[in-house]
Amino acid sequence: MQDILVIDDDIYIGDMLEEALRKEGYGVSRAYSGTEALLLVGQKKPDLILLDLMLPGLSGEELLPKIKGIPVIVVSAKADVADKVGLLMAGASDYVTKPFNIAELIARIAVQLRMAQSKGDTNALTFGDLTLYCDTLTAVIDGEEIRLTRTECAILKLLMQSPNTPVGRTTILDKISIDTPDCTERSLKQHISNMRKKLEAVNGHDYIEAVYGIGFKMR
């Protein structure tokens, strides 16, 4: 079942959307503020987001750039063309003006979900609340974006592809040698140390474990 996150502090509109979406067979989760929405997205990634702009806490405009790898349809009373263009350029997948026709909105949702499914973002990997975007060399934790070097990204990708199995140092060097020929046995440890510090700085969690005598694995 595909899950849709409705972010709107208007309870009436949220209830109407939830009822209509559930009739169409979608799972629905709700957030009533931008801050709450950011927390929910960090805990469980929905398949699509319906985003109002006038929200307590983080506004929709502030929240949108923090959402990565999820189709976002803005549903707002703001009808100005400049607002629509600005939000579409900022990453929104579509824009629907309130008041809206529910059948049209359902159709737009279906289109965005089909596009996301056909695209099949193979450049994104997820481990718990950590998502790695290889095409942009970024990781996202709890909505916060972390910039990685090409070598750090290659190492993290390899570890996330086998999260429950320790990956040996020699294997890491061999697998990433094509993309990152600058990484050597001597520098590998430093690359991993730098990456661990970047990730840990977000929420205090150390995502990579050193396995004595073998190599490294996701924690």
C-alpha atoms as a PDB file:
ATOM      1  CA  MET A   1       0.000   0.000   0.000  1.00  0.00           C
ATOM      2  CA  GLN A   2       1.367   3.406  -0.982  1.00  0.00           C
ATOM      3  CA  ASP A   3       1.429   5.922   1.845  1.00  0.00           C
ATOM      4  CA  ILE A   4       0.618   9.616   1.485  1.00  0.00           C
ATOM      5  CA  LEU A   5       1.547  12.211   4.096  1.00  0.00           C
ATOM      6  CA  VAL A   6      -0.966  15.061   4.372  1.00  0.00           C
ATOM      7  CA  ILE A   7       0.630  18.173   5.873  1.00  0.00           C
ATOM      8  CA  ASP A   8      -2.129  20.666   6.685  1.00  0.00           C
ATOM      9  CA  ASP A   9      -3.183  22.342   9.935  1.00  0.00           C
ATOM     10  CA  ASP A  10      -6.781  22.681   8.689  1.00  0.00           C
ATOM     11  CA  ILE A  11      -8.462  19.672  10.308  1.00  0.00           C
ATOM     12  CA  TYR A  12     -11.519  19.819   8.023  1.00  0.00           C
ATOM     13  CA  ILE A  13      -9.444  19.736   4.836  1.00  0.00           C
ATOM     14  CA  GLY A  14      -7.157  17.071   6.280  1.00  0.00           C
ATOM     15  CA  ASP A  15     -10.109  14.873   7.226  1.00  0.00           C
ATOM     16  CA  MET A  16     -11.627  15.281   3.754  1.00  0.00           C
ATOM     17  CA  LEU A  17      -8.350  14.373   2.084  1.00  0.00           C
ATOM     18  CA  GLU A  18      -7.792  11.371   4.333  1.00  0.00           C
ATOM     19  CA  GLU A  19     -11.269   9.994   3.659  1.00  0.00           C
ATOM     20  CA  ALA A  20     -10.909  10.401  -0.109  1.00  0.00           C
ATOM     21  CA  LEU A  21      -7.413   8.915  -0.209  1.00  0.00           C
ATOM     22  CA  ARG A  22      -8.337   5.900   1.911  1.00  0.00           C
ATOM     23  CA  LYS A  23     -11.271   5.211  -0.439  1.00  0.00           C
ATOM     24  CA  GLU A  24      -8.719   5.062  -3.251  1.00  0.00           C
ATOM     25  CA  GLY A  25      -6.703   2.469  -1.316  1.00  0.00           C
ATOM     26  CA  TYR A  26      -3.878   4.691  -0.070  1.00  0.00           C
ATOM     27  CA  GLY A  27      -2.444   4.662   3.412  1.00  0.00           C
ATOM     28  CA  VAL A  28      -2.585   8.117   5.012  1.00  0.00           C
ATOM     29  CA  SER A  29      -0.515   9.779   7.704  1.00  0.00           C
ATOM     30  CA  ARG A  30      -1.069  13.319   8.981  1.00  0.00           C
ATOM     31  CA  ALA A  31       1.047  16.221  10.182  1.00  0.00           C
ATOM     32  CA  TYR A  32      -0.298  19.540  11.406  1.00  0.00           C
ATOM     33  CA  SER A  33       2.902  21.608  11.399  1.00  0.00           C
ATOM     34  CA  GLY A  34       6.088  21.815   9.386  1.00  0.00           C
ATOM     35  CA  THR A  35       8.148  20.728  12.366  1.00  0.00           C
ATOM     36  CA  GLU A  36       6.007  17.642  12.975  1.00  0.00           C
ATOM     37  CA  ALA A  37       6.127  16.786   9.266  1.00  0.00           C
ATOM     38  CA  LEU A  38       9.926  16.920   9.219  1.00  0.00           C
ATOM     39  CA  LEU A  39      10.043  14.511  12.159  1.00  0.00           C
ATOM     40  CA  LEU A  40       7.615  12.080  10.500  1.00  0.00           C
ATOM     41  CA  VAL A  41       9.509  12.102   7.196  1.00  0.00           C
ATOM     42  CA  GLY A  42      12.702  11.281   9.103  1.00  0.00           C
ATOM     43  CA  GLN A  43      11.020   8.302  10.788  1.00  0.00           C
ATOM     44  CA  LYS A  44       9.204   6.821   7.794  1.00  0.00           C
ATOM     45  CA  LYS A  45       9.486   7.949   4.198  1.00  0.00           C
ATOM     46  CA  PRO A  46       6.045   8.340   2.549  1.00  0.00           C
ATOM     47  CA  ASP A  47       5.496   7.711  -1.149  1.00  0.00           C
ATOM     48  CA  LEU A  48       4.053  11.197  -1.722  1.00  0.00           C
ATOM     49  CA  ILE A  49       3.390  14.366   0.253  1.00  0.00           C
ATOM     50  CA  LEU A  50       0.506  16.828   0.034  1.00  0.00           C
ATOM     51  CA  LEU A  51       1.897  20.084   1.412  1.00  0.00           C
ATOM     52  CA  ASP A  52       0.030  23.181   2.560  1.00  0.00           C
ATOM     53  CA  LEU A  53       2.096  26.367   2.784  1.00  0.00           C
ATOM     54  CA  MET A  54       0.530  28.201   5.736  1.00  0.00           C
ATOM     55  CA  LEU A  55       1.760  26.002   8.569  1.00  0.00           C
ATOM     56  CA  PRO A  56       2.743  26.614  12.192  1.00  0.00           C
ATOM     57  CA  GLY A  57       6.395  25.983  12.979  1.00  0.00           C
ATOM     58  CA  LEU A  58       8.202  25.570   9.675  1.00  0.00           C
ATOM     59  CA  SER A  59       6.203  27.001   6.781  1.00  0.00           C
ATOM     60  CA  GLY A  60       5.635  24.986   3.636  1.00  0.00           C
ATOM     61  CA  GLU A  61       8.173  27.132   1.796  1.00  0.00           C
ATOM     62  CA  GLU A  62      10.777  26.404   4.482  1.00  0.00           C
ATOM     63  CA  LEU A  63       9.936  22.710   4.631  1.00  0.00           C
ATOM     64  CA  LEU A  64      10.028  21.981   0.890  1.00  0.00           C
ATOM     65  CA  PRO A  65      13.844  22.229   0.413  1.00  0.00           C
ATOM     66  CA  LYS A  66      14.335  19.809   3.316  1.00  0.00           C
ATOM     67  CA  ILE A  67      12.326  17.055   1.599  1.00  0.00           C
ATOM     68  CA  LYS A  68      14.468  14.879  -0.639  1.00  0.00           C
ATOM     69  CA  GLY A  69      13.507  12.013  -2.932  1.00  0.00           C
ATOM     70  CA  ILE A  70       9.742  12.269  -2.322  1.00  0.00           C
ATOM     71  CA  PRO A  71       7.162  13.706  -4.778  1.00  0.00           C
ATOM     72  CA  VAL A  72       5.538  16.798  -3.233  1.00  0.00           C
ATOM     73  CA  ILE A  73       2.257  18.283  -4.424  1.00  0.00           C
ATOM     74  CA  VAL A  74       1.716  21.744  -2.964  1.00  0.00           C
ATOM     75  CA  VAL A  75      -1.944  22.333  -2.070  1.00  0.00           C
ATOM     76  CA  SER A  76      -2.382  26.003  -1.257  1.00  0.00           C
ATOM     77  CA  ALA A  77      -4.755  28.960  -1.467  1.00  0.00           C
ATOM     78  CA  LYS A  78      -1.919  31.054  -2.928  1.00  0.00           C
ATOM     79  CA  ALA A  79      -2.873  31.449  -6.581  1.00  0.00           C
ATOM     80  CA  ASP A  80      -0.199  33.883  -7.756  1.00  0.00           C
ATOM     81  CA  VAL A  81       1.759  32.577 -10.745  1.00  0.00           C
ATOM     82  CA  ALA A  82       5.050  33.719  -9.208  1.00  0.00           C
ATOM     83  CA  ASP A  83       4.338  31.620  -6.091  1.00  0.00           C
ATOM     84  CA  LYS A  84       3.640  28.554  -8.221  1.00  0.00           C
ATOM     85  CA  VAL A  85       6.713  28.994 -10.392  1.00  0.00           C
ATOM     86  CA  GLY A  86       8.950  29.601  -7.370  1.00  0.00           C
ATOM     87  CA  LEU A  87       7.777  26.467  -5.575  1.00  0.00           C
ATOM     88  CA  LEU A  88       8.020  24.289  -8.682  1.00  0.00           C
ATOM     89  CA  MET A  89      11.559  25.543  -9.205  1.00  0.00           C
ATOM     90  CA  ALA A  90      12.294  24.819  -5.514  1.00  0.00           C
ATOM     91  CA  GLY A  91      11.419  21.149  -5.957  1.00  0.00           C
ATOM     92  CA  ALA A  92       7.641  20.745  -5.840  1.00  0.00           C
ATOM     93  CA  SER A  93       6.340  18.122  -8.283  1.00  0.00           C
ATOM     94  CA  ASP A  94       2.975  19.832  -8.813  1.00  0.00           C
ATOM     95  CA  TYR A  95       0.849  22.699  -7.506  1.00  0.00           C
ATOM     96  CA  VAL A  96      -2.897  22.594  -6.837  1.00  0.00           C
ATOM     97  CA  THR A  97      -4.790  25.728  -5.803  1.00  0.00           C
ATOM     98  CA  LYS A  98      -7.421  25.671  -3.040  1.00  0.00           C
ATOM     99  CA  PRO A  99     -10.328  25.211  -3.355  1.00  0.00           C
ATOM    100  CA  PHE A 100      -9.624  22.137  -5.454  1.00  0.00           C
ATOM    101  CA  ASN A 101     -11.588  19.391  -7.157  1.00  0.00           C
ATOM    102  CA  ILE A 102     -10.891  16.177  -5.250  1.00  0.00           C
ATOM    103  CA  ALA A 103     -11.143  13.991  -8.378  1.00  0.00           C
ATOM    104  CA  GLU A 104      -8.537  16.147 -10.131  1.00  0.00           C
ATOM    105  CA  LEU A 105      -6.232  15.996  -7.114  1.00  0.00           C
ATOM    106  CA  ILE A 106      -6.558  12.201  -6.939  1.00  0.00           C
ATOM    107  CA  ALA A 107      -5.630  12.021 -10.631  1.00  0.00           C
ATOM    108  CA  ARG A 108      -2.584  14.260 -10.098  1.00  0.00           C
ATOM    109  CA  ILE A 109      -1.493  12.065  -7.189  1.00  0.00           C
ATOM    110  CA  ALA A 110      -1.771   8.939  -9.340  1.00  0.00           C
ATOM    111  CA  VAL A 111       0.334  10.572 -12.063  1.00  0.00           C
ATOM    112  CA  GLN A 112       3.107  11.557  -9.639  1.00  0.00           C
ATOM    113  CA  LEU A 113       3.170   8.106  -8.049  1.00  0.00           C
ATOM    114  CA  ARG A 114       3.418   6.438 -11.470  1.00  0.00           C
ATOM    115  CA  MET A 115       6.252   8.747 -12.458  1.00  0.00           C
ATOM    116  CA  ALA A 116       8.119   8.065  -9.232  1.00  0.00           C
ATOM    117  CA  GLN A 117       7.633   4.321  -9.626  1.00  0.00           C
ATOM    118  CA  SER A 118       8.775   4.275 -13.261  1.00  0.00           C
ATOM    119  CA  LYS A 119      11.779   6.423 -12.425  1.00  0.00           C
ATOM    120  CA  GLY A 120      12.773   3.944  -9.721  1.00  0.00           C
ATOM    121  CA  ASP A 121      15.411   6.138  -8.145  1.00  0.00           C
ATOM    122  CA  THR A 122      18.258   3.606  -8.075  1.00  0.00           C
ATOM    123  CA  ASN A 123      20.610   6.328  -6.875  1.00  0.00           C
ATOM    124  CA  ALA A 124      18.910   6.456  -3.469  1.00  0.00           C
ATOM    125  CA  LEU A 125      19.672   4.009  -0.645  1.00  0.00           C
ATOM    126  CA  THR A 126      18.067   3.964   2.803  1.00  0.00           C
ATOM    127  CA  PHE A 127      19.262   2.602   6.135  1.00  0.00           C
ATOM    128  CA  GLY A 128      16.985   3.498   9.060  1.00  0.00           C
ATOM    129  CA  ASP A 129      16.662   7.286   9.089  1.00  0.00           C
ATOM    130  CA  LEU A 130      19.674   7.704   6.794  1.00  0.00           C
ATOM    131  CA  THR A 131      19.150   8.151   3.041  1.00  0.00           C
ATOM    132  CA  LEU A 132      22.008   8.387   0.566  1.00  0.00           C
ATOM    133  CA  TYR A 133      21.646  10.162  -2.792  1.00  0.00           C
ATOM    134  CA  CYS A 134      24.572   9.084  -4.931  1.00  0.00           C
ATOM    135  CA  ASP A 135      23.765  11.397  -7.843  1.00  0.00           C
ATOM    136  CA  THR A 136      24.132  14.519  -5.659  1.00  0.00           C
ATOM    137  CA  LEU A 137      26.758  13.142  -3.227  1.00  0.00           C
ATOM    138  CA  THR A 138      24.503  13.889  -0.272  1.00  0.00           C
ATOM    139  CA  ALA A 139      23.087  12.028   2.704  1.00  0.00           C
ATOM    140  CA  VAL A 140      19.927  13.084   4.551  1.00  0.00           C
ATOM    141  CA  ILE A 141      19.198  12.427   8.232  1.00  0.00           C
ATOM    142  CA  ASP A 142      16.050  13.814   9.896  1.00  0.00           C
ATOM    143  CA  GLY A 143      15.670  16.237   7.005  1.00  0.00           C
ATOM    144  CA  GLU A 144      19.206  17.598   7.351  1.00  0.00           C
ATOM    145  CA  GLU A 145      21.452  17.347   4.305  1.00  0.00           C
ATOM    146  CA  ILE A 146      25.086  16.253   4.663  1.00  0.00           C
ATOM    147  CA  ARG A 147      27.547  16.864   1.841  1.00  0.00           C
ATOM    148  CA  LEU A 148      29.907  13.974   1.117  1.00  0.00           C
ATOM    149  CA  THR A 149      33.045  13.668  -0.968  1.00  0.00           C
ATOM    150  CA  ARG A 150      32.954  11.262  -3.905  1.00  0.00           C
ATOM    151  CA  THR A 151      35.085   8.786  -1.966  1.00  0.00           C
ATOM    152  CA  GLU A 152      32.912   9.009   1.154  1.00  0.00           C
ATOM    153  CA  CYS A 153      29.793   8.484  -0.943  1.00  0.00           C
ATOM    154  CA  ALA A 154      31.280   5.437  -2.692  1.00  0.00           C
ATOM    155  CA  ILE A 155      32.242   3.858   0.643  1.00  0.00           C
ATOM    156  CA  LEU A 156      28.876   4.562   2.266  1.00  0.00           C
ATOM    157  CA  LYS A 157      27.016   3.202  -0.774  1.00  0.00           C
ATOM    158  CA  LEU A 158      28.969  -0.041  -0.585  1.00  0.00           C
ATOM    159  CA  LEU A 159      28.276  -0.453   3.145  1.00  0.00           C
ATOM    160  CA  MET A 160      24.558   0.351   2.747  1.00  0.00           C
ATOM    161  CA  GLN A 161      24.202  -2.221  -0.039  1.00  0.00           C
ATOM    162  CA  SER A 162      25.185  -4.943   2.469  1.00  0.00           C
ATOM    163  CA  PRO A 163      24.043  -3.403   5.759  1.00  0.00           C
ATOM    164  CA  ASN A 164      24.116  -6.596   7.832  1.00  0.00           C
ATOM    165  CA  THR A 165      27.436  -7.911   6.578  1.00  0.00           C
ATOM    166  CA  PRO A 166      30.913  -6.567   7.431  1.00  0.00           C
ATOM    167  CA  VAL A 167      32.768  -5.413   4.323  1.00  0.00           C
ATOM    168  CA  GLY A 168      36.518  -5.980   4.324  1.00  0.00           C
ATOM    169  CA  ARG A 169      38.984  -3.157   3.717  1.00  0.00           C
ATOM    170  CA  THR A 170      40.407  -4.872   0.632  1.00  0.00           C
ATOM    171  CA  THR A 171      36.910  -5.371  -0.768  1.00  0.00           C
ATOM    172  CA  ILE A 172      36.082  -1.706  -0.218  1.00  0.00           C
ATOM    173  CA  LEU A 173      39.228  -0.563  -1.993  1.00  0.00           C
ATOM    174  CA  ASP A 174      38.617  -2.962  -4.881  1.00  0.00           C
ATOM    175  CA  LYS A 175      34.940  -2.041  -5.353  1.00  0.00           C
ATOM    176  CA  ILE A 176      35.422   1.731  -5.287  1.00  0.00           C
ATOM    177  CA  SER A 177      38.706   1.856  -7.212  1.00  0.00           C
ATOM    178  CA  ILE A 178      37.064   2.719 -10.546  1.00  0.00           C
ATOM    179  CA  ASP A 179      35.165   5.742  -9.214  1.00  0.00           C
ATOM    180  CA  THR A 180      37.710   6.846  -6.606  1.00  0.00           C
ATOM    181  CA  PRO A 181      41.226   5.779  -7.606  1.00  0.00           C
ATOM    182  CA  ASP A 182      42.672   8.266  -5.109  1.00  0.00           C
ATOM    183  CA  CYS A 183      41.588   6.147  -2.131  1.00  0.00           C
ATOM    184  CA  THR A 184      44.414   3.998  -0.791  1.00  0.00           C
ATOM    185  CA  GLU A 185      44.704   1.520   2.073  1.00  0.00           C
ATOM    186  CA  ARG A 186      46.379   4.243   4.117  1.00  0.00           C
ATOM    187  CA  SER A 187      43.738   6.904   3.430  1.00  0.00           C
ATOM    188  CA  LEU A 188      40.676   4.609   3.711  1.00  0.00           C
ATOM    189  CA  LYS A 189      40.564   4.826   7.493  1.00  0.00           C
ATOM    190  CA  GLN A 190      40.682   8.627   7.363  1.00  0.00           C
ATOM    191  CA  HIS A 191      37.916   8.816   4.754  1.00  0.00           C
ATOM    192  CA  ILE A 192      35.682   6.633   6.923  1.00  0.00           C
ATOM    193  CA  SER A 193      36.530   8.617  10.061  1.00  0.00           C
ATOM    194  CA  ASN A 194      35.625  11.900   8.359  1.00  0.00           C
ATOM    195  CA  MET A 195      32.351  10.463   7.086  1.00  0.00           C
ATOM    196  CA  ARG A 196      31.383   9.046  10.495  1.00  0.00           C
ATOM    197  CA  LYS A 197      31.917  12.461  12.083  1.00  0.00           C
ATOM    198  CA  LYS A 198      29.722  14.164   9.486  1.00  0.00           C
ATOM    199  CA  LEU A 199      26.856  11.714  10.005  1.00  0.00           C
ATOM    200  CA  GLU A 200      27.187  11.582  13.793  1.00  0.00           C
ATOM    201  CA  ALA A 201      27.092  15.378  14.045  1.00  0.00           C
ATOM    202  CA  VAL A 202      23.410  15.401  13.017  1.00  0.00           C
ATOM    203  CA  ASN A 203      21.868  13.350  15.832  1.00  0.00           C
ATOM    204  CA  GLY A 204      24.731  11.780  17.793  1.00  0.00           C
ATOM    205  CA  HIS A 205      24.306   8.322  16.248  1.00  0.00           C
ATOM    206  CA  ASP A 206      27.380   6.520  14.884  1.00  0.00           C
ATOM    207  CA  TYR A 207      26.145   4.803  11.730  1.00  0.00           C
ATOM    208  CA  ILE A 208      29.311   2.858  10.900  1.00  0.00           C
ATOM    209  CA  GLU A 209      30.881   0.148  13.029  1.00  0.00           C
ATOM    210  CA  ALA A 210      34.475  -1.043  12.764  1.00  0.00           C
ATOM    211  CA  VAL A 211      34.572  -4.858  12.873  1.00  0.00           C
ATOM    212  CA  TYR A 212      37.897  -5.960  14.311  1.00  0.00           C
ATOM    213  CA  GLY A 213      40.061  -7.884  11.860  1.00  0.00           C
ATOM    214  CA  ILE A 214      37.535  -7.598   9.024  1.00  0.00           C
ATOM    215  CA  GLY A 215      36.448  -4.113   8.044  1.00  0.00           C
ATOM    216  CA  PHE A 216      33.299  -2.047   8.492  1.00  0.00           C
ATOM    217  CA  LYS A 217      29.508  -2.418   8.560  1.00  0.00           C
ATOM    218  CA  MET A 218      26.420  -0.294   9.155  1.00  0.00           C
ATOM    219  CA  ARG A 219      25.408   0.062  12.780  1.00  0.00           C
END
